[in-house]
Amino acid sequence: MTTIDPAVTAVEDPVCHMKLDEHTVKFKSEYEGETYYFCSLACKKKFDEDPGKYIKAYPMKENT
């Protein structure tokens, strides 16, 4: 299991919910103006096929 340094910007893969370092992640998708990050190409492909399925379960950012 990989531990992320708390000093890095952690993001969550909306498919498998793995925590990732935003600056080193290799797989990304844009959807409705937001960037989503993925641990693998497999998770990215699942998201790209049906983003709505994963967005519903993904915590939305609050507008401040």
PDB file of N, CA and C in Angstrom:
ATOM      1  N   MET A   1       0.854  -1.192   0.000  1.00  0.00           N
ATOM      2  CA  MET A   1       0.000   0.000   0.000  1.00  0.00           C
ATOM      3  C   MET A   1       0.887   1.238   0.000  1.00  0.00           C
ATOM      4  N   THR A   2       0.538   2.208  -0.828  1.00  0.00           N
ATOM      5  CA  THR A   2       1.314   3.433  -0.941  1.00  0.00           C
ATOM      6  C   THR A   2       0.732   4.497  -0.032  1.00  0.00           C
ATOM      7  N   THR A   3       1.615   5.203   0.671  1.00  0.00           N
ATOM      8  CA  THR A   3       1.195   6.303   1.521  1.00  0.00           C
ATOM      9  C   THR A   3       1.548   7.610   0.834  1.00  0.00           C
ATOM     10  N   ILE A   4       0.617   8.547   0.839  1.00  0.00           N
ATOM     11  CA  ILE A   4       0.847   9.846   0.215  1.00  0.00           C
ATOM     12  C   ILE A   4       1.326  10.821   1.288  1.00  0.00           C
ATOM     13  N   ASP A   5       2.379  11.540   0.972  1.00  0.00           N
ATOM     14  CA  ASP A   5       2.908  12.566   1.854  1.00  0.00           C
ATOM     15  C   ASP A   5       1.830  13.625   2.071  1.00  0.00           C
ATOM     16  N   PRO A   6       1.535  13.995   3.325  1.00  0.00           N
ATOM     17  CA  PRO A   6       0.475  14.982   3.574  1.00  0.00           C
ATOM     18  C   PRO A   6       0.754  16.355   2.961  1.00  0.00           C
ATOM     19  N   ALA A   7       2.004  16.612   2.580  1.00  0.00           N
ATOM     20  CA  ALA A   7       2.348  17.902   1.983  1.00  0.00           C
ATOM     21  C   ALA A   7       1.903  17.995   0.527  1.00  0.00           C
ATOM     22  N   VAL A   8       1.570  16.886  -0.103  1.00  0.00           N
ATOM     23  CA  VAL A   8       1.139  16.915  -1.501  1.00  0.00           C
ATOM     24  C   VAL A   8      -0.364  17.135  -1.573  1.00  0.00           C
ATOM     25  N   THR A   9      -0.823  17.511  -2.754  1.00  0.00           N
ATOM     26  CA  THR A   9      -2.248  17.715  -2.964  1.00  0.00           C
ATOM     27  C   THR A   9      -2.878  16.372  -3.323  1.00  0.00           C
ATOM     28  N   ALA A  10      -3.662  15.832  -2.405  1.00  0.00           N
ATOM     29  CA  ALA A  10      -4.295  14.538  -2.633  1.00  0.00           C
ATOM     30  C   ALA A  10      -5.631  14.712  -3.336  1.00  0.00           C
ATOM     31  N   VAL A  11      -5.879  13.857  -4.302  1.00  0.00           N
ATOM     32  CA  VAL A  11      -7.159  13.806  -5.005  1.00  0.00           C
ATOM     33  C   VAL A  11      -7.640  12.364  -4.945  1.00  0.00           C
ATOM     34  N   GLU A  12      -8.913  12.155  -5.217  1.00  0.00           N
ATOM     35  CA  GLU A  12      -9.496  10.816  -5.127  1.00  0.00           C
ATOM     36  C   GLU A  12      -9.990  10.343  -6.483  1.00  0.00           C
ATOM     37  N   ASP A  13      -9.624   9.127  -6.819  1.00  0.00           N
ATOM     38  CA  ASP A  13     -10.129   8.477  -8.032  1.00  0.00           C
ATOM     39  C   ASP A  13     -11.622   8.225  -7.803  1.00  0.00           C
ATOM     40  N   PRO A  14     -12.519   8.782  -8.650  1.00  0.00           N
ATOM     41  CA  PRO A  14     -13.959   8.623  -8.431  1.00  0.00           C
ATOM     42  C   PRO A  14     -14.467   7.204  -8.694  1.00  0.00           C
ATOM     43  N   VAL A  15     -13.659   6.361  -9.323  1.00  0.00           N
ATOM     44  CA  VAL A  15     -14.086   4.994  -9.623  1.00  0.00           C
ATOM     45  C   VAL A  15     -13.750   4.050  -8.460  1.00  0.00           C
ATOM     46  N   CYS A  16     -12.482   4.017  -8.046  1.00  0.00           N
ATOM     47  CA  CYS A  16     -12.055   3.078  -7.000  1.00  0.00           C
ATOM     48  C   CYS A  16     -11.794   3.754  -5.663  1.00  0.00           C
ATOM     49  N   HIS A  17     -11.848   5.092  -5.632  1.00  0.00           N
ATOM     50  CA  HIS A  17     -11.680   5.911  -4.426  1.00  0.00           C
ATOM     51  C   HIS A  17     -10.269   5.887  -3.839  1.00  0.00           C
ATOM     52  N   MET A  18      -9.287   5.528  -4.652  1.00  0.00           N
ATOM     53  CA  MET A  18      -7.900   5.565  -4.211  1.00  0.00           C
ATOM     54  C   MET A  18      -7.450   7.020  -4.110  1.00  0.00           C
ATOM     55  N   LYS A  19      -6.672   7.330  -3.076  1.00  0.00           N
ATOM     56  CA  LYS A  19      -6.092   8.665  -2.926  1.00  0.00           C
ATOM     57  C   LYS A  19      -4.844   8.748  -3.795  1.00  0.00           C
ATOM     58  N   LEU A  20      -4.705   9.859  -4.523  1.00  0.00           N
ATOM     59  CA  LEU A  20      -3.612  10.041  -5.470  1.00  0.00           C
ATOM     60  C   LEU A  20      -2.971  11.413  -5.285  1.00  0.00           C
ATOM     61  N   ASP A  21      -1.727  11.541  -5.712  1.00  0.00           N
ATOM     62  CA  ASP A  21      -1.032  12.818  -5.715  1.00  0.00           C
ATOM     63  C   ASP A  21      -1.382  13.535  -7.019  1.00  0.00           C
ATOM     64  N   GLU A  22      -2.036  14.658  -6.913  1.00  0.00           N
ATOM     65  CA  GLU A  22      -2.495  15.413  -8.087  1.00  0.00           C
ATOM     66  C   GLU A  22      -1.352  15.744  -9.052  1.00  0.00           C
ATOM     67  N   HIS A  23      -0.156  15.926  -8.533  1.00  0.00           N
ATOM     68  CA  HIS A  23       0.969  16.352  -9.361  1.00  0.00           C
ATOM     69  C   HIS A  23       1.667  15.208 -10.089  1.00  0.00           C
ATOM     70  N   THR A  24       1.420  13.965  -9.687  1.00  0.00           N
ATOM     71  CA  THR A  24       2.102  12.835 -10.330  1.00  0.00           C
ATOM     72  C   THR A  24       1.148  11.872 -11.029  1.00  0.00           C
ATOM     73  N   VAL A  25      -0.145  12.086 -10.886  1.00  0.00           N
ATOM     74  CA  VAL A  25      -1.120  11.185 -11.494  1.00  0.00           C
ATOM     75  C   VAL A  25      -0.991  11.223 -13.020  1.00  0.00           C
ATOM     76  N   LYS A  26      -1.108  10.058 -13.649  1.00  0.00           N
ATOM     77  CA  LYS A  26      -0.914   9.950 -15.098  1.00  0.00           C
ATOM     78  C   LYS A  26      -2.214  10.015 -15.898  1.00  0.00           C
ATOM     79  N   PHE A  27      -3.344   9.687 -15.280  1.00  0.00           N
ATOM     80  CA  PHE A  27      -4.601   9.584 -16.021  1.00  0.00           C
ATOM     81  C   PHE A  27      -5.603  10.616 -15.516  1.00  0.00           C
ATOM     82  N   LYS A  28      -6.131  11.417 -16.439  1.00  0.00           N
ATOM     83  CA  LYS A  28      -7.078  12.484 -16.109  1.00  0.00           C
ATOM     84  C   LYS A  28      -8.182  12.535 -17.157  1.00  0.00           C
ATOM     85  N   SER A  29      -9.346  13.005 -16.738  1.00  0.00           N
ATOM     86  CA  SER A  29     -10.446  13.283 -17.668  1.00  0.00           C
ATOM     87  C   SER A  29     -11.101  14.586 -17.250  1.00  0.00           C
ATOM     88  N   GLU A  30     -11.589  15.317 -18.221  1.00  0.00           N
ATOM     89  CA  GLU A  30     -12.366  16.534 -17.978  1.00  0.00           C
ATOM     90  C   GLU A  30     -13.835  16.184 -18.181  1.00  0.00           C
ATOM     91  N   TYR A  31     -14.686  16.635 -17.262  1.00  0.00           N
ATOM     92  CA  TYR A  31     -16.122  16.398 -17.394  1.00  0.00           C
ATOM     93  C   TYR A  31     -16.848  17.559 -16.738  1.00  0.00           C
ATOM     94  N   GLU A  32     -17.693  18.232 -17.502  1.00  0.00           N
ATOM     95  CA  GLU A  32     -18.492  19.364 -17.040  1.00  0.00           C
ATOM     96  C   GLU A  32     -17.645  20.391 -16.293  1.00  0.00           C
ATOM     97  N   GLY A  33     -16.480  20.708 -16.855  1.00  0.00           N
ATOM     98  CA  GLY A  33     -15.632  21.747 -16.295  1.00  0.00           C
ATOM     99  C   GLY A  33     -14.765  21.334 -15.117  1.00  0.00           C
ATOM    100  N   GLU A  34     -14.832  20.086 -14.726  1.00  0.00           N
ATOM    101  CA  GLU A  34     -14.022  19.583 -13.607  1.00  0.00           C
ATOM    102  C   GLU A  34     -13.003  18.586 -14.129  1.00  0.00           C
ATOM    103  N   THR A  35     -11.860  18.501 -13.451  1.00  0.00           N
ATOM    104  CA  THR A  35     -10.854  17.510 -13.783  1.00  0.00           C
ATOM    105  C   THR A  35     -10.950  16.372 -12.778  1.00  0.00           C
ATOM    106  N   TYR A  36     -10.971  15.155 -13.284  1.00  0.00           N
ATOM    107  CA  TYR A  36     -11.016  13.955 -12.446  1.00  0.00           C
ATOM    108  C   TYR A  36      -9.745  13.164 -12.690  1.00  0.00           C
ATOM    109  N   TYR A  37      -9.229  12.559 -11.638  1.00  0.00           N
ATOM    110  CA  TYR A  37      -7.937  11.882 -11.666  1.00  0.00           C
ATOM    111  C   TYR A  37      -8.125  10.392 -11.404  1.00  0.00           C
ATOM    112  N   PHE A  38      -7.286   9.571 -12.049  1.00  0.00           N
ATOM    113  CA  PHE A  38      -7.449   8.115 -11.976  1.00  0.00           C
ATOM    114  C   PHE A  38      -6.142   7.412 -11.690  1.00  0.00           C
ATOM    115  N   CYS A  39      -6.238   6.305 -10.976  1.00  0.00           N
ATOM    116  CA  CYS A  39      -5.058   5.514 -10.618  1.00  0.00           C
ATOM    117  C   CYS A  39      -4.565   4.678 -11.790  1.00  0.00           C
ATOM    118  N   SER A  40      -5.452   4.393 -12.730  1.00  0.00           N
ATOM    119  CA  SER A  40      -5.094   3.505 -13.845  1.00  0.00           C
ATOM    120  C   SER A  40      -5.918   3.850 -15.081  1.00  0.00           C
ATOM    121  N   LEU A  41      -5.469   3.338 -16.204  1.00  0.00           N
ATOM    122  CA  LEU A  41      -6.210   3.519 -17.447  1.00  0.00           C
ATOM    123  C   LEU A  41      -7.567   2.815 -17.367  1.00  0.00           C
ATOM    124  N   ALA A  42      -7.616   1.691 -16.663  1.00  0.00           N
ATOM    125  CA  ALA A  42      -8.885   0.956 -16.523  1.00  0.00           C
ATOM    126  C   ALA A  42      -9.937   1.810 -15.809  1.00  0.00           C
ATOM    127  N   CYS A  43      -9.555   2.490 -14.725  1.00  0.00           N
ATOM    128  CA  CYS A  43     -10.510   3.350 -14.019  1.00  0.00           C
ATOM    129  C   CYS A  43     -10.923   4.528 -14.899  1.00  0.00           C
ATOM    130  N   LYS A  44      -9.983   5.119 -15.624  1.00  0.00           N
ATOM    131  CA  LYS A  44     -10.298   6.228 -16.516  1.00  0.00           C
ATOM    132  C   LYS A  44     -11.297   5.798 -17.584  1.00  0.00           C
ATOM    133  N   LYS A  45     -11.092   4.617 -18.173  1.00  0.00           N
ATOM    134  CA  LYS A  45     -12.002   4.128 -19.220  1.00  0.00           C
ATOM    135  C   LYS A  45     -13.401   3.890 -18.663  1.00  0.00           C
ATOM    136  N   LYS A  46     -13.490   3.333 -17.454  1.00  0.00           N
ATOM    137  CA  LYS A  46     -14.810   3.125 -16.834  1.00  0.00           C
ATOM    138  C   LYS A  46     -15.518   4.453 -16.653  1.00  0.00           C
ATOM    139  N   PHE A  47     -14.802   5.450 -16.159  1.00  0.00           N
ATOM    140  CA  PHE A  47     -15.383   6.775 -15.956  1.00  0.00           C
ATOM    141  C   PHE A  47     -15.818   7.387 -17.283  1.00  0.00           C
ATOM    142  N   ASP A  48     -14.942   7.331 -18.280  1.00  0.00           N
ATOM    143  CA  ASP A  48     -15.237   7.937 -19.586  1.00  0.00           C
ATOM    144  C   ASP A  48     -16.459   7.310 -20.258  1.00  0.00           C
ATOM    145  N   GLU A  49     -16.725   6.044 -20.000  1.00  0.00           N
ATOM    146  CA  GLU A  49     -17.884   5.369 -20.584  1.00  0.00           C
ATOM    147  C   GLU A  49     -19.199   5.828 -19.962  1.00  0.00           C
ATOM    148  N   ASP A  50     -19.174   6.186 -18.664  1.00  0.00           N
ATOM    149  CA  ASP A  50     -20.403   6.580 -17.974  1.00  0.00           C
ATOM    150  C   ASP A  50     -20.083   7.483 -16.789  1.00  0.00           C
ATOM    151  N   PRO A  51     -19.666   8.740 -17.040  1.00  0.00           N
ATOM    152  CA  PRO A  51     -19.274   9.628 -15.951  1.00  0.00           C
ATOM    153  C   PRO A  51     -20.363   9.828 -14.894  1.00  0.00           C
ATOM    154  N   GLY A  52     -21.606   9.914 -15.322  1.00  0.00           N
ATOM    155  CA  GLY A  52     -22.701  10.151 -14.388  1.00  0.00           C
ATOM    156  C   GLY A  52     -22.809   9.102 -13.297  1.00  0.00           C
ATOM    157  N   LYS A  53     -22.470   7.892 -13.623  1.00  0.00           N
ATOM    158  CA  LYS A  53     -22.510   6.791 -12.652  1.00  0.00           C
ATOM    159  C   LYS A  53     -21.557   7.065 -11.488  1.00  0.00           C
ATOM    160  N   TYR A  54     -20.406   7.657 -11.798  1.00  0.00           N
ATOM    161  CA  TYR A  54     -19.387   7.892 -10.776  1.00  0.00           C
ATOM    162  C   TYR A  54     -19.504   9.262 -10.134  1.00  0.00           C
ATOM    163  N   ILE A  55     -20.037  10.233 -10.855  1.00  0.00           N
ATOM    164  CA  ILE A  55     -20.202  11.575 -10.310  1.00  0.00           C
ATOM    165  C   ILE A  55     -21.203  11.561  -9.162  1.00  0.00           C
ATOM    166  N   LYS A  56     -22.253  10.769  -9.281  1.00  0.00           N
ATOM    167  CA  LYS A  56     -23.274  10.694  -8.228  1.00  0.00           C
ATOM    168  C   LYS A  56     -22.670  10.299  -6.890  1.00  0.00           C
ATOM    169  N   ALA A  57     -21.699   9.414  -6.897  1.00  0.00           N
ATOM    170  CA  ALA A  57     -21.078   8.929  -5.673  1.00  0.00           C
ATOM    171  C   ALA A  57     -19.877   9.765  -5.256  1.00  0.00           C
ATOM    172  N   TYR A  58     -19.436  10.665  -6.127  1.00  0.00           N
ATOM    173  CA  TYR A  58     -18.241  11.453  -5.893  1.00  0.00           C
ATOM    174  C   TYR A  58     -18.606  12.704  -5.111  1.00  0.00           C
ATOM    175  N   PRO A  59     -17.907  13.010  -4.009  1.00  0.00           N
ATOM    176  CA  PRO A  59     -18.240  14.219  -3.233  1.00  0.00           C
ATOM    177  C   PRO A  59     -17.993  15.469  -4.073  1.00  0.00           C
ATOM    178  N   MET A  60     -19.002  16.312  -4.184  1.00  0.00           N
ATOM    179  CA  MET A  60     -18.891  17.533  -4.974  1.00  0.00           C
ATOM    180  C   MET A  60     -18.224  18.628  -4.144  1.00  0.00           C
ATOM    181  N   LYS A  61     -17.485  19.503  -4.817  1.00  0.00           N
ATOM    182  CA  LYS A  61     -16.840  20.635  -4.153  1.00  0.00           C
ATOM    183  C   LYS A  61     -17.905  21.668  -3.838  1.00  0.00           C
ATOM    184  N   GLU A  62     -17.796  22.252  -2.655  1.00  0.00           N
ATOM    185  CA  GLU A  62     -18.745  23.302  -2.292  1.00  0.00           C
ATOM    186  C   GLU A  62     -18.287  24.610  -2.918  1.00  0.00           C
ATOM    187  N   ASN A  63     -19.248  25.395  -3.358  1.00  0.00           N
ATOM    188  CA  ASN A  63     -18.933  26.713  -3.893  1.00  0.00           C
ATOM    189  C   ASN A  63     -18.704  27.663  -2.735  1.00  0.00           C
ATOM    190  N   THR A  64     -17.574  28.357  -2.754  1.00  0.00           N
ATOM    191  CA  THR A  64     -17.271  29.286  -1.659  1.00  0.00           C
ATOM    192  C   THR A  64     -17.231  30.696  -2.162  1.00  0.00           C
TER     193      THR A  64
END
